[in-house]
Amino acid sequence: MSYLNTLIFGIYPYVAITIMVFGTWARYDQGQFTWKAHSSQMLRKKNMVMASGLFHVGVLVIFFGHLVGLLTPHWAYDWLMTPGQKQVMAIVVGGIAGVMALIGGAMLAWRRLTDPRVQASSSFADNMIIVILVIQLVLGLATILPTMGHLDGGTMLKFAAWAQGILTLQGGVADYIADVHWIYKTHIFLGLTIFVLFPFTRLVHMLSVPVEYFGRKYQVVRKRA
Protein backbone atom coordinates (compact mmCIF):
# COMPACT_ATOMS: atom_id res chain seq x y z
CA MET A 1 0.00 0.00 0.00
CA SER A 2 2.91 2.34 0.75
CA TYR A 3 4.32 1.71 -2.75
CA LEU A 4 0.92 2.28 -4.36
CA ASN A 5 0.46 5.51 -2.41
CA THR A 6 3.88 6.74 -3.57
CA LEU A 7 3.14 5.72 -7.17
CA ILE A 8 -0.21 7.51 -7.33
CA PHE A 9 0.50 10.60 -5.24
CA GLY A 10 4.27 10.93 -5.57
CA ILE A 11 5.01 9.92 -9.17
CA TYR A 12 1.73 10.11 -11.09
CA PRO A 13 1.37 13.89 -10.50
CA TYR A 14 4.59 14.52 -12.45
CA VAL A 15 3.51 12.15 -15.22
CA ALA A 16 0.14 13.92 -15.45
CA ILE A 17 1.64 17.42 -15.46
CA THR A 18 4.23 16.42 -18.08
CA ILE A 19 1.60 14.95 -20.40
CA MET A 20 -0.62 17.99 -19.93
CA VAL A 21 2.12 20.53 -20.67
CA PHE A 22 3.77 18.81 -23.64
CA GLY A 23 0.52 17.41 -25.01
CA THR A 24 -1.09 20.86 -24.92
CA TRP A 25 1.95 22.41 -26.60
CA ALA A 26 1.92 19.74 -29.32
CA ARG A 27 -1.78 20.19 -30.01
CA TYR A 28 -1.48 23.96 -30.22
CA ASP A 29 1.48 23.60 -32.55
CA GLN A 30 0.02 20.89 -34.77
CA GLY A 31 -3.77 21.22 -34.54
CA GLN A 32 -4.87 24.78 -33.86
CA PHE A 33 -8.03 24.20 -35.91
CA THR A 34 -9.19 21.74 -33.23
CA TRP A 35 -8.54 24.26 -30.44
CA LYS A 36 -12.16 25.10 -29.73
CA ALA A 37 -15.15 24.05 -27.66
CA HIS A 38 -17.24 22.90 -30.65
CA SER A 39 -20.41 24.71 -29.62
CA SER A 40 -23.61 22.75 -30.21
CA GLN A 41 -26.02 25.52 -29.30
CA MET A 42 -27.39 25.76 -32.82
CA LEU A 43 -28.40 22.11 -32.63
CA ARG A 44 -30.48 22.49 -29.48
CA LYS A 45 -30.80 25.74 -27.59
CA LYS A 46 -33.26 24.68 -24.86
CA ASN A 47 -31.76 25.14 -21.35
CA MET A 48 -28.32 25.66 -22.92
CA VAL A 49 -27.78 29.14 -21.48
CA MET A 50 -28.71 28.13 -17.94
CA ALA A 51 -26.78 24.85 -18.00
CA SER A 52 -23.65 26.39 -19.49
CA GLY A 53 -23.78 29.36 -17.13
CA LEU A 54 -24.17 27.26 -13.99
CA PHE A 55 -21.46 24.85 -15.07
CA HIS A 56 -18.83 27.38 -16.13
CA VAL A 57 -19.31 29.77 -13.20
CA GLY A 58 -19.26 26.91 -10.72
CA VAL A 59 -16.18 25.30 -12.24
CA LEU A 60 -14.26 28.60 -12.37
CA VAL A 61 -14.96 29.26 -8.68
CA ILE A 62 -13.89 25.71 -7.81
CA PHE A 63 -10.75 25.88 -9.95
CA PHE A 64 -9.47 29.15 -8.53
CA GLY A 65 -10.54 28.10 -5.04
CA HIS A 66 -8.41 24.97 -5.29
CA LEU A 67 -5.56 26.92 -6.86
CA VAL A 68 -5.43 29.55 -4.11
CA GLY A 69 -6.35 27.21 -1.28
CA LEU A 70 -3.75 24.55 -2.06
CA LEU A 71 -0.87 26.69 -3.25
CA THR A 72 -1.02 29.54 -0.73
CA PRO A 73 1.45 28.95 2.14
CA HIS A 74 -0.06 28.89 5.61
CA TRP A 75 1.99 31.88 6.75
CA ALA A 76 0.44 34.04 4.04
CA TYR A 77 -3.00 33.96 5.64
CA ASP A 78 -2.49 32.93 9.29
CA TRP A 79 -2.75 36.59 10.32
CA LEU A 80 -6.21 36.73 8.77
CA MET A 81 -7.82 33.37 9.58
CA THR A 82 -7.08 30.01 11.15
CA PRO A 83 -6.87 26.81 9.10
CA GLY A 84 -10.24 25.82 10.57
CA GLN A 85 -11.88 29.05 9.43
CA LYS A 86 -10.35 28.63 5.98
CA GLN A 87 -11.73 25.10 5.82
CA VAL A 88 -15.24 26.21 6.74
CA MET A 89 -15.07 28.93 4.08
CA ALA A 90 -13.95 26.32 1.56
CA ILE A 91 -16.88 24.09 2.50
CA VAL A 92 -19.43 26.88 2.10
CA VAL A 93 -18.06 28.52 -1.06
CA GLY A 94 -16.94 25.25 -2.63
CA GLY A 95 -20.22 23.56 -1.74
CA ILE A 96 -22.33 26.26 -3.40
CA ALA A 97 -20.09 26.38 -6.48
CA GLY A 98 -19.99 22.58 -6.61
CA VAL A 99 -23.78 22.27 -6.59
CA MET A 100 -24.04 24.93 -9.33
CA ALA A 101 -21.44 23.16 -11.48
CA LEU A 102 -22.99 19.74 -10.85
CA ILE A 103 -26.47 20.86 -11.88
CA GLY A 104 -25.15 22.57 -14.99
CA GLY A 105 -22.80 19.70 -15.82
CA ALA A 106 -25.52 17.08 -15.38
CA MET A 107 -27.80 19.07 -17.70
CA LEU A 108 -25.05 19.36 -20.31
CA ALA A 109 -24.20 15.66 -20.02
CA TRP A 110 -27.85 14.63 -20.34
CA ARG A 111 -28.26 16.90 -23.37
CA ARG A 112 -25.13 15.55 -25.05
CA LEU A 113 -25.92 11.90 -24.38
CA THR A 114 -29.65 11.88 -25.14
CA ASP A 115 -30.38 14.50 -27.79
CA PRO A 116 -30.04 12.80 -31.21
CA ARG A 117 -28.73 15.91 -33.01
CA VAL A 118 -26.18 16.80 -30.35
CA GLN A 119 -25.19 13.17 -29.95
CA ALA A 120 -24.53 12.84 -33.66
CA SER A 121 -22.11 15.78 -33.58
CA SER A 122 -20.31 14.65 -30.41
CA SER A 123 -17.09 12.67 -30.34
CA PHE A 124 -16.16 9.98 -27.85
CA ALA A 125 -13.85 12.50 -26.13
CA ASP A 126 -16.73 15.01 -25.80
CA ASN A 127 -18.97 12.47 -24.10
CA MET A 128 -16.18 11.03 -21.97
CA ILE A 129 -14.92 14.32 -20.55
CA ILE A 130 -18.32 15.71 -19.54
CA VAL A 131 -19.16 12.45 -17.74
CA ILE A 132 -15.76 12.44 -15.98
CA LEU A 133 -16.21 16.07 -14.92
CA VAL A 134 -19.65 15.29 -13.47
CA ILE A 135 -18.21 12.32 -11.54
CA GLN A 136 -15.39 14.55 -10.28
CA LEU A 137 -17.91 17.12 -9.07
CA VAL A 138 -19.85 14.41 -7.23
CA LEU A 139 -16.64 13.23 -5.56
CA GLY A 140 -15.73 16.79 -4.65
CA LEU A 141 -19.09 17.34 -2.96
CA ALA A 142 -18.80 13.95 -1.26
CA THR A 143 -15.57 15.06 0.44
CA ILE A 144 -17.65 17.52 2.46
CA LEU A 145 -18.98 14.61 4.55
CA PRO A 146 -15.64 13.47 6.03
CA THR A 147 -14.48 17.09 6.18
CA MET A 148 -17.36 17.96 8.51
CA GLY A 149 -15.92 15.48 10.99
CA HIS A 150 -12.72 17.49 11.48
CA LEU A 151 -13.11 21.24 11.16
CA ASP A 152 -9.73 22.09 12.64
CA GLY A 153 -8.18 22.46 9.19
CA GLY A 154 -5.55 19.80 9.76
CA THR A 155 -6.46 17.75 6.69
CA MET A 156 -6.51 20.86 4.51
CA LEU A 157 -2.97 21.64 5.63
CA LYS A 158 -1.92 18.14 4.57
CA PHE A 159 -3.30 18.67 1.08
CA ALA A 160 -1.63 22.09 0.85
CA ALA A 161 1.70 20.61 1.94
CA TRP A 162 1.32 17.84 -0.66
CA ALA A 163 0.43 20.21 -3.54
CA GLN A 164 3.17 22.70 -2.66
CA GLY A 165 5.64 19.84 -2.25
CA ILE A 166 4.81 18.54 -5.73
CA LEU A 167 5.47 21.95 -7.30
CA THR A 168 8.70 22.47 -5.38
CA LEU A 169 9.95 18.94 -6.20
CA GLN A 170 10.15 17.80 -2.60
CA GLY A 171 10.76 14.15 -1.85
CA GLY A 172 8.30 11.94 0.02
CA VAL A 173 5.30 14.23 -0.51
CA ALA A 174 2.96 11.27 -0.89
CA ASP A 175 3.40 10.59 2.83
CA TYR A 176 1.53 13.81 3.65
CA ILE A 177 -1.76 12.31 2.50
CA ALA A 178 -1.11 8.63 3.16
CA ASP A 179 -3.74 8.38 5.89
CA VAL A 180 -6.53 10.61 4.51
CA HIS A 181 -10.00 9.30 3.64
CA TRP A 182 -10.29 7.31 0.41
CA ILE A 183 -12.80 9.81 -1.02
CA TYR A 184 -10.12 12.50 -0.98
CA LYS A 185 -7.64 10.17 -2.66
CA THR A 186 -10.12 9.18 -5.36
CA HIS A 187 -10.92 12.85 -5.97
CA ILE A 188 -7.22 13.69 -6.32
CA PHE A 189 -6.51 10.70 -8.59
CA LEU A 190 -9.36 11.60 -10.94
CA GLY A 191 -8.23 15.24 -10.91
CA LEU A 192 -4.74 14.17 -12.01
CA THR A 193 -6.30 11.98 -14.70
CA ILE A 194 -8.18 15.01 -16.00
CA PHE A 195 -4.75 16.68 -16.37
CA VAL A 196 -3.70 13.72 -18.53
CA LEU A 197 -6.83 13.99 -20.70
CA PHE A 198 -6.68 17.78 -20.93
CA PRO A 199 -4.65 18.08 -24.18
CA PHE A 200 -6.84 15.55 -26.00
CA THR A 201 -10.25 17.05 -25.27
CA ARG A 202 -12.18 20.28 -25.64
CA LEU A 203 -10.82 21.39 -22.24
CA VAL A 204 -7.90 23.07 -24.00
CA HIS A 205 -10.15 26.01 -24.87
CA MET A 206 -9.82 27.07 -21.21
CA LEU A 207 -6.35 28.38 -22.03
CA SER A 208 -7.57 30.74 -24.72
CA VAL A 209 -8.97 33.11 -22.05
CA PRO A 210 -11.45 34.89 -24.34
CA VAL A 211 -12.11 37.91 -22.14
CA GLU A 212 -14.60 39.31 -24.64
CA TYR A 213 -16.64 36.10 -24.28
CA PHE A 214 -18.06 37.22 -20.93
CA GLY A 215 -19.60 40.32 -22.48
CA ARG A 216 -20.83 38.85 -25.73
CA LYS A 217 -24.35 37.77 -26.50
CA TYR A 218 -25.11 34.13 -27.03
CA GLN A 219 -25.31 32.94 -30.61
CA VAL A 220 -28.39 34.13 -32.44
CA VAL A 221 -30.04 31.03 -33.81
CA ARG A 222 -32.98 31.88 -36.05
CA LYS A 223 -35.81 29.48 -36.61
CA ARG A 224 -37.07 28.64 -40.07
CA ALA A 225 -39.88 30.86 -41.29
C-alpha atoms as a PDB file:
ATOM      1  CA  MET A   1       0.000   0.000   0.000  1.00  0.00           C
ATOM      2  CA  SER A   2       2.905   2.339   0.745  1.00  0.00           C
ATOM      3  CA  TYR A   3       4.321   1.713  -2.749  1.00  0.00           C
ATOM      4  CA  LEU A   4       0.921   2.284  -4.361  1.00  0.00           C
ATOM      5  CA  ASN A   5       0.455   5.514  -2.414  1.00  0.00           C
ATOM      6  CA  THR A   6       3.877   6.735  -3.573  1.00  0.00           C
ATOM      7  CA  LEU A   7       3.143   5.719  -7.166  1.00  0.00           C
ATOM      8  CA  ILE A   8      -0.213   7.515  -7.334  1.00  0.00           C
ATOM      9  CA  PHE A   9       0.501  10.601  -5.243  1.00  0.00           C
ATOM     10  CA  GLY A  10       4.266  10.931  -5.571  1.00  0.00           C
ATOM     11  CA  ILE A  11       5.013   9.915  -9.170  1.00  0.00           C
ATOM     12  CA  TYR A  12       1.725  10.111 -11.089  1.00  0.00           C
ATOM     13  CA  PRO A  13       1.375  13.887 -10.501  1.00  0.00           C
ATOM     14  CA  TYR A  14       4.594  14.516 -12.446  1.00  0.00           C
ATOM     15  CA  VAL A  15       3.508  12.148 -15.216  1.00  0.00           C
ATOM     16  CA  ALA A  16       0.139  13.916 -15.451  1.00  0.00           C
ATOM     17  CA  ILE A  17       1.643  17.416 -15.463  1.00  0.00           C
ATOM     18  CA  THR A  18       4.233  16.425 -18.080  1.00  0.00           C
ATOM     19  CA  ILE A  19       1.604  14.951 -20.402  1.00  0.00           C
ATOM     20  CA  MET A  20      -0.623  17.988 -19.932  1.00  0.00           C
ATOM     21  CA  VAL A  21       2.122  20.526 -20.669  1.00  0.00           C
ATOM     22  CA  PHE A  22       3.770  18.808 -23.639  1.00  0.00           C
ATOM     23  CA  GLY A  23       0.517  17.409 -25.007  1.00  0.00           C
ATOM     24  CA  THR A  24      -1.094  20.856 -24.923  1.00  0.00           C
ATOM     25  CA  TRP A  25       1.953  22.413 -26.597  1.00  0.00           C
ATOM     26  CA  ALA A  26       1.920  19.742 -29.317  1.00  0.00           C
ATOM     27  CA  ARG A  27      -1.785  20.186 -30.007  1.00  0.00           C
ATOM     28  CA  TYR A  28      -1.475  23.956 -30.216  1.00  0.00           C
ATOM     29  CA  ASP A  29       1.485  23.597 -32.549  1.00  0.00           C
ATOM     30  CA  GLN A  30       0.022  20.888 -34.773  1.00  0.00           C
ATOM     31  CA  GLY A  31      -3.765  21.224 -34.543  1.00  0.00           C
ATOM     32  CA  GLN A  32      -4.871  24.782 -33.860  1.00  0.00           C
ATOM     33  CA  PHE A  33      -8.030  24.199 -35.908  1.00  0.00           C
ATOM     34  CA  THR A  34      -9.188  21.739 -33.226  1.00  0.00           C
ATOM     35  CA  TRP A  35      -8.538  24.265 -30.436  1.00  0.00           C
ATOM     36  CA  LYS A  36     -12.164  25.102 -29.732  1.00  0.00           C
ATOM     37  CA  ALA A  37     -15.154  24.053 -27.656  1.00  0.00           C
ATOM     38  CA  HIS A  38     -17.242  22.899 -30.652  1.00  0.00           C
ATOM     39  CA  SER A  39     -20.411  24.712 -29.617  1.00  0.00           C
ATOM     40  CA  SER A  40     -23.613  22.748 -30.214  1.00  0.00           C
ATOM     41  CA  GLN A  41     -26.022  25.519 -29.301  1.00  0.00           C
ATOM     42  CA  MET A  42     -27.394  25.762 -32.818  1.00  0.00           C
ATOM     43  CA  LEU A  43     -28.398  22.108 -32.634  1.00  0.00           C
ATOM     44  CA  ARG A  44     -30.480  22.493 -29.479  1.00  0.00           C
ATOM     45  CA  LYS A  45     -30.802  25.738 -27.587  1.00  0.00           C
ATOM     46  CA  LYS A  46     -33.262  24.677 -24.857  1.00  0.00           C
ATOM     47  CA  ASN A  47     -31.762  25.138 -21.354  1.00  0.00           C
ATOM     48  CA  MET A  48     -28.325  25.664 -22.921  1.00  0.00           C
ATOM     49  CA  VAL A  49     -27.780  29.143 -21.476  1.00  0.00           C
ATOM     50  CA  MET A  50     -28.714  28.126 -17.937  1.00  0.00           C
ATOM     51  CA  ALA A  51     -26.784  24.848 -18.001  1.00  0.00           C
ATOM     52  CA  SER A  52     -23.655  26.389 -19.494  1.00  0.00           C
ATOM     53  CA  GLY A  53     -23.784  29.361 -17.127  1.00  0.00           C
ATOM     54  CA  LEU A  54     -24.169  27.256 -13.991  1.00  0.00           C
ATOM     55  CA  PHE A  55     -21.455  24.848 -15.067  1.00  0.00           C
ATOM     56  CA  HIS A  56     -18.831  27.377 -16.130  1.00  0.00           C
ATOM     57  CA  VAL A  57     -19.313  29.775 -13.204  1.00  0.00           C
ATOM     58  CA  GLY A  58     -19.256  26.912 -10.718  1.00  0.00           C
ATOM     59  CA  VAL A  59     -16.180  25.302 -12.243  1.00  0.00           C
ATOM     60  CA  LEU A  60     -14.265  28.596 -12.371  1.00  0.00           C
ATOM     61  CA  VAL A  61     -14.957  29.259  -8.683  1.00  0.00           C
ATOM     62  CA  ILE A  62     -13.893  25.713  -7.805  1.00  0.00           C
ATOM     63  CA  PHE A  63     -10.753  25.879  -9.945  1.00  0.00           C
ATOM     64  CA  PHE A  64      -9.467  29.146  -8.530  1.00  0.00           C
ATOM     65  CA  GLY A  65     -10.544  28.103  -5.038  1.00  0.00           C
ATOM     66  CA  HIS A  66      -8.414  24.974  -5.292  1.00  0.00           C
ATOM     67  CA  LEU A  67      -5.556  26.922  -6.857  1.00  0.00           C
ATOM     68  CA  VAL A  68      -5.433  29.549  -4.112  1.00  0.00           C
ATOM     69  CA  GLY A  69      -6.348  27.212  -1.283  1.00  0.00           C
ATOM     70  CA  LEU A  70      -3.750  24.547  -2.056  1.00  0.00           C
ATOM     71  CA  LEU A  71      -0.868  26.694  -3.246  1.00  0.00           C
ATOM     72  CA  THR A  72      -1.021  29.544  -0.730  1.00  0.00           C
ATOM     73  CA  PRO A  73       1.447  28.946   2.137  1.00  0.00           C
ATOM     74  CA  HIS A  74      -0.056  28.888   5.612  1.00  0.00           C
ATOM     75  CA  TRP A  75       1.993  31.879   6.752  1.00  0.00           C
ATOM     76  CA  ALA A  76       0.437  34.044   4.044  1.00  0.00           C
ATOM     77  CA  TYR A  77      -2.998  33.962   5.639  1.00  0.00           C
ATOM     78  CA  ASP A  78      -2.493  32.925   9.285  1.00  0.00           C
ATOM     79  CA  TRP A  79      -2.747  36.593  10.322  1.00  0.00           C
ATOM     80  CA  LEU A  80      -6.209  36.735   8.767  1.00  0.00           C
ATOM     81  CA  MET A  81      -7.815  33.372   9.579  1.00  0.00           C
ATOM     82  CA  THR A  82      -7.084  30.013  11.151  1.00  0.00           C
ATOM     83  CA  PRO A  83      -6.875  26.813   9.103  1.00  0.00           C
ATOM     84  CA  GLY A  84     -10.237  25.818  10.567  1.00  0.00           C
ATOM     85  CA  GLN A  85     -11.880  29.047   9.432  1.00  0.00           C
ATOM     86  CA  LYS A  86     -10.353  28.627   5.985  1.00  0.00           C
ATOM     87  CA  GLN A  87     -11.725  25.102   5.818  1.00  0.00           C
ATOM     88  CA  VAL A  88     -15.239  26.214   6.739  1.00  0.00           C
ATOM     89  CA  MET A  89     -15.072  28.929   4.085  1.00  0.00           C
ATOM     90  CA  ALA A  90     -13.951  26.324   1.559  1.00  0.00           C
ATOM     91  CA  ILE A  91     -16.882  24.085   2.499  1.00  0.00           C
ATOM     92  CA  VAL A  92     -19.430  26.878   2.095  1.00  0.00           C
ATOM     93  CA  VAL A  93     -18.062  28.515  -1.063  1.00  0.00           C
ATOM     94  CA  GLY A  94     -16.941  25.247  -2.633  1.00  0.00           C
ATOM     95  CA  GLY A  95     -20.218  23.563  -1.739  1.00  0.00           C
ATOM     96  CA  ILE A  96     -22.328  26.264  -3.399  1.00  0.00           C
ATOM     97  CA  ALA A  97     -20.086  26.376  -6.476  1.00  0.00           C
ATOM     98  CA  GLY A  98     -19.995  22.579  -6.611  1.00  0.00           C
ATOM     99  CA  VAL A  99     -23.781  22.274  -6.587  1.00  0.00           C
ATOM    100  CA  MET A 100     -24.039  24.928  -9.326  1.00  0.00           C
ATOM    101  CA  ALA A 101     -21.444  23.162 -11.477  1.00  0.00           C
ATOM    102  CA  LEU A 102     -22.990  19.742 -10.848  1.00  0.00           C
ATOM    103  CA  ILE A 103     -26.471  20.863 -11.878  1.00  0.00           C
ATOM    104  CA  GLY A 104     -25.147  22.572 -14.986  1.00  0.00           C
ATOM    105  CA  GLY A 105     -22.800  19.704 -15.821  1.00  0.00           C
ATOM    106  CA  ALA A 106     -25.520  17.082 -15.383  1.00  0.00           C
ATOM    107  CA  MET A 107     -27.799  19.074 -17.697  1.00  0.00           C
ATOM    108  CA  LEU A 108     -25.047  19.360 -20.307  1.00  0.00           C
ATOM    109  CA  ALA A 109     -24.201  15.661 -20.017  1.00  0.00           C
ATOM    110  CA  TRP A 110     -27.854  14.627 -20.343  1.00  0.00           C
ATOM    111  CA  ARG A 111     -28.262  16.896 -23.366  1.00  0.00           C
ATOM    112  CA  ARG A 112     -25.129  15.548 -25.053  1.00  0.00           C
ATOM    113  CA  LEU A 113     -25.921  11.902 -24.380  1.00  0.00           C
ATOM    114  CA  THR A 114     -29.653  11.878 -25.137  1.00  0.00           C
ATOM    115  CA  ASP A 115     -30.377  14.505 -27.792  1.00  0.00           C
ATOM    116  CA  PRO A 116     -30.036  12.804 -31.206  1.00  0.00           C
ATOM    117  CA  ARG A 117     -28.727  15.910 -33.013  1.00  0.00           C
ATOM    118  CA  VAL A 118     -26.181  16.798 -30.346  1.00  0.00           C
ATOM    119  CA  GLN A 119     -25.189  13.171 -29.945  1.00  0.00           C
ATOM    120  CA  ALA A 120     -24.531  12.836 -33.660  1.00  0.00           C
ATOM    121  CA  SER A 121     -22.109  15.776 -33.579  1.00  0.00           C
ATOM    122  CA  SER A 122     -20.313  14.646 -30.408  1.00  0.00           C
ATOM    123  CA  SER A 123     -17.091  12.671 -30.345  1.00  0.00           C
ATOM    124  CA  PHE A 124     -16.163   9.983 -27.848  1.00  0.00           C
ATOM    125  CA  ALA A 125     -13.853  12.498 -26.132  1.00  0.00           C
ATOM    126  CA  ASP A 126     -16.725  15.007 -25.800  1.00  0.00           C
ATOM    127  CA  ASN A 127     -18.969  12.469 -24.103  1.00  0.00           C
ATOM    128  CA  MET A 128     -16.184  11.034 -21.970  1.00  0.00           C
ATOM    129  CA  ILE A 129     -14.917  14.322 -20.555  1.00  0.00           C
ATOM    130  CA  ILE A 130     -18.315  15.709 -19.542  1.00  0.00           C
ATOM    131  CA  VAL A 131     -19.155  12.449 -17.736  1.00  0.00           C
ATOM    132  CA  ILE A 132     -15.762  12.439 -15.982  1.00  0.00           C
ATOM    133  CA  LEU A 133     -16.209  16.072 -14.916  1.00  0.00           C
ATOM    134  CA  VAL A 134     -19.650  15.291 -13.466  1.00  0.00           C
ATOM    135  CA  ILE A 135     -18.211  12.320 -11.543  1.00  0.00           C
ATOM    136  CA  GLN A 136     -15.390  14.546 -10.280  1.00  0.00           C
ATOM    137  CA  LEU A 137     -17.914  17.124  -9.069  1.00  0.00           C
ATOM    138  CA  VAL A 138     -19.849  14.405  -7.230  1.00  0.00           C
ATOM    139  CA  LEU A 139     -16.638  13.225  -5.560  1.00  0.00           C
ATOM    140  CA  GLY A 140     -15.730  16.791  -4.647  1.00  0.00           C
ATOM    141  CA  LEU A 141     -19.088  17.344  -2.964  1.00  0.00           C
ATOM    142  CA  ALA A 142     -18.800  13.945  -1.264  1.00  0.00           C
ATOM    143  CA  THR A 143     -15.571  15.064   0.436  1.00  0.00           C
ATOM    144  CA  ILE A 144     -17.653  17.517   2.460  1.00  0.00           C
ATOM    145  CA  LEU A 145     -18.980  14.614   4.552  1.00  0.00           C
ATOM    146  CA  PRO A 146     -15.637  13.473   6.034  1.00  0.00           C
ATOM    147  CA  THR A 147     -14.482  17.092   6.184  1.00  0.00           C
ATOM    148  CA  MET A 148     -17.359  17.962   8.514  1.00  0.00           C
ATOM    149  CA  GLY A 149     -15.918  15.476  10.993  1.00  0.00           C
ATOM    150  CA  HIS A 150     -12.721  17.490  11.484  1.00  0.00           C
ATOM    151  CA  LEU A 151     -13.115  21.235  11.162  1.00  0.00           C
ATOM    152  CA  ASP A 152      -9.731  22.088  12.642  1.00  0.00           C
ATOM    153  CA  GLY A 153      -8.178  22.456   9.193  1.00  0.00           C
ATOM    154  CA  GLY A 154      -5.547  19.800   9.758  1.00  0.00           C
ATOM    155  CA  THR A 155      -6.457  17.749   6.688  1.00  0.00           C
ATOM    156  CA  MET A 156      -6.514  20.855   4.505  1.00  0.00           C
ATOM    157  CA  LEU A 157      -2.969  21.640   5.633  1.00  0.00           C
ATOM    158  CA  LYS A 158      -1.916  18.140   4.571  1.00  0.00           C
ATOM    159  CA  PHE A 159      -3.298  18.673   1.082  1.00  0.00           C
ATOM    160  CA  ALA A 160      -1.634  22.087   0.853  1.00  0.00           C
ATOM    161  CA  ALA A 161       1.699  20.607   1.943  1.00  0.00           C
ATOM    162  CA  TRP A 162       1.315  17.844  -0.658  1.00  0.00           C
ATOM    163  CA  ALA A 163       0.432  20.208  -3.538  1.00  0.00           C
ATOM    164  CA  GLN A 164       3.169  22.699  -2.663  1.00  0.00           C
ATOM    165  CA  GLY A 165       5.640  19.835  -2.253  1.00  0.00           C
ATOM    166  CA  ILE A 166       4.810  18.545  -5.728  1.00  0.00           C
ATOM    167  CA  LEU A 167       5.468  21.951  -7.303  1.00  0.00           C
ATOM    168  CA  THR A 168       8.703  22.470  -5.382  1.00  0.00           C
ATOM    169  CA  LEU A 169       9.954  18.942  -6.200  1.00  0.00           C
ATOM    170  CA  GLN A 170      10.148  17.796  -2.598  1.00  0.00           C
ATOM    171  CA  GLY A 171      10.758  14.146  -1.853  1.00  0.00           C
ATOM    172  CA  GLY A 172       8.304  11.940   0.024  1.00  0.00           C
ATOM    173  CA  VAL A 173       5.303  14.230  -0.508  1.00  0.00           C
ATOM    174  CA  ALA A 174       2.959  11.265  -0.892  1.00  0.00           C
ATOM    175  CA  ASP A 175       3.397  10.593   2.830  1.00  0.00           C
ATOM    176  CA  TYR A 176       1.533  13.812   3.647  1.00  0.00           C
ATOM    177  CA  ILE A 177      -1.763  12.312   2.504  1.00  0.00           C
ATOM    178  CA  ALA A 178      -1.108   8.630   3.159  1.00  0.00           C
ATOM    179  CA  ASP A 179      -3.744   8.378   5.890  1.00  0.00           C
ATOM    180  CA  VAL A 180      -6.530  10.609   4.510  1.00  0.00           C
ATOM    181  CA  HIS A 181     -10.003   9.303   3.640  1.00  0.00           C
ATOM    182  CA  TRP A 182     -10.291   7.307   0.405  1.00  0.00           C
ATOM    183  CA  ILE A 183     -12.801   9.807  -1.016  1.00  0.00           C
ATOM    184  CA  TYR A 184     -10.119  12.498  -0.976  1.00  0.00           C
ATOM    185  CA  LYS A 185      -7.637  10.166  -2.658  1.00  0.00           C
ATOM    186  CA  THR A 186     -10.121   9.179  -5.363  1.00  0.00           C
ATOM    187  CA  HIS A 187     -10.915  12.848  -5.967  1.00  0.00           C
ATOM    188  CA  ILE A 188      -7.216  13.687  -6.320  1.00  0.00           C
ATOM    189  CA  PHE A 189      -6.512  10.705  -8.587  1.00  0.00           C
ATOM    190  CA  LEU A 190      -9.357  11.604 -10.937  1.00  0.00           C
ATOM    191  CA  GLY A 191      -8.233  15.236 -10.911  1.00  0.00           C
ATOM    192  CA  LEU A 192      -4.737  14.171 -12.011  1.00  0.00           C
ATOM    193  CA  THR A 193      -6.296  11.978 -14.695  1.00  0.00           C
ATOM    194  CA  ILE A 194      -8.176  15.015 -16.002  1.00  0.00           C
ATOM    195  CA  PHE A 195      -4.749  16.682 -16.368  1.00  0.00           C
ATOM    196  CA  VAL A 196      -3.698  13.722 -18.534  1.00  0.00           C
ATOM    197  CA  LEU A 197      -6.828  13.986 -20.698  1.00  0.00           C
ATOM    198  CA  PHE A 198      -6.676  17.781 -20.926  1.00  0.00           C
ATOM    199  CA  PRO A 199      -4.653  18.080 -24.181  1.00  0.00           C
ATOM    200  CA  PHE A 200      -6.837  15.547 -26.002  1.00  0.00           C
ATOM    201  CA  THR A 201     -10.250  17.052 -25.266  1.00  0.00           C
ATOM    202  CA  ARG A 202     -12.184  20.277 -25.638  1.00  0.00           C
ATOM    203  CA  LEU A 203     -10.824  21.391 -22.243  1.00  0.00           C
ATOM    204  CA  VAL A 204      -7.901  23.068 -23.999  1.00  0.00           C
ATOM    205  CA  HIS A 205     -10.148  26.015 -24.874  1.00  0.00           C
ATOM    206  CA  MET A 206      -9.816  27.070 -21.215  1.00  0.00           C
ATOM    207  CA  LEU A 207      -6.345  28.377 -22.027  1.00  0.00           C
ATOM    208  CA  SER A 208      -7.568  30.744 -24.715  1.00  0.00           C
ATOM    209  CA  VAL A 209      -8.974  33.112 -22.050  1.00  0.00           C
ATOM    210  CA  PRO A 210     -11.448  34.888 -24.339  1.00  0.00           C
ATOM    211  CA  VAL A 211     -12.112  37.909 -22.140  1.00  0.00           C
ATOM    212  CA  GLU A 212     -14.597  39.313 -24.637  1.00  0.00           C
ATOM    213  CA  TYR A 213     -16.643  36.105 -24.280  1.00  0.00           C
ATOM    214  CA  PHE A 214     -18.061  37.223 -20.934  1.00  0.00           C
ATOM    215  CA  GLY A 215     -19.603  40.325 -22.478  1.00  0.00           C
ATOM    216  CA  ARG A 216     -20.829  38.848 -25.734  1.00  0.00           C
ATOM    217  CA  LYS A 217     -24.349  37.767 -26.504  1.00  0.00           C
ATOM    218  CA  TYR A 218     -25.115  34.128 -27.029  1.00  0.00           C
ATOM    219  CA  GLN A 219     -25.315  32.938 -30.613  1.00  0.00           C
ATOM    220  CA  VAL A 220     -28.395  34.135 -32.440  1.00  0.00           C
ATOM    221  CA  VAL A 221     -30.037  31.027 -33.814  1.00  0.00           C
ATOM    222  CA  ARG A 222     -32.979  31.877 -36.051  1.00  0.00           C
ATOM    223  CA  LYS A 223     -35.807  29.478 -36.615  1.00  0.00           C
ATOM    224  CA  ARG A 224     -37.068  28.639 -40.073  1.00  0.00           C
ATOM    225  CA  ALA A 225     -39.875  30.861 -41.286  1.00  0.00           C
END
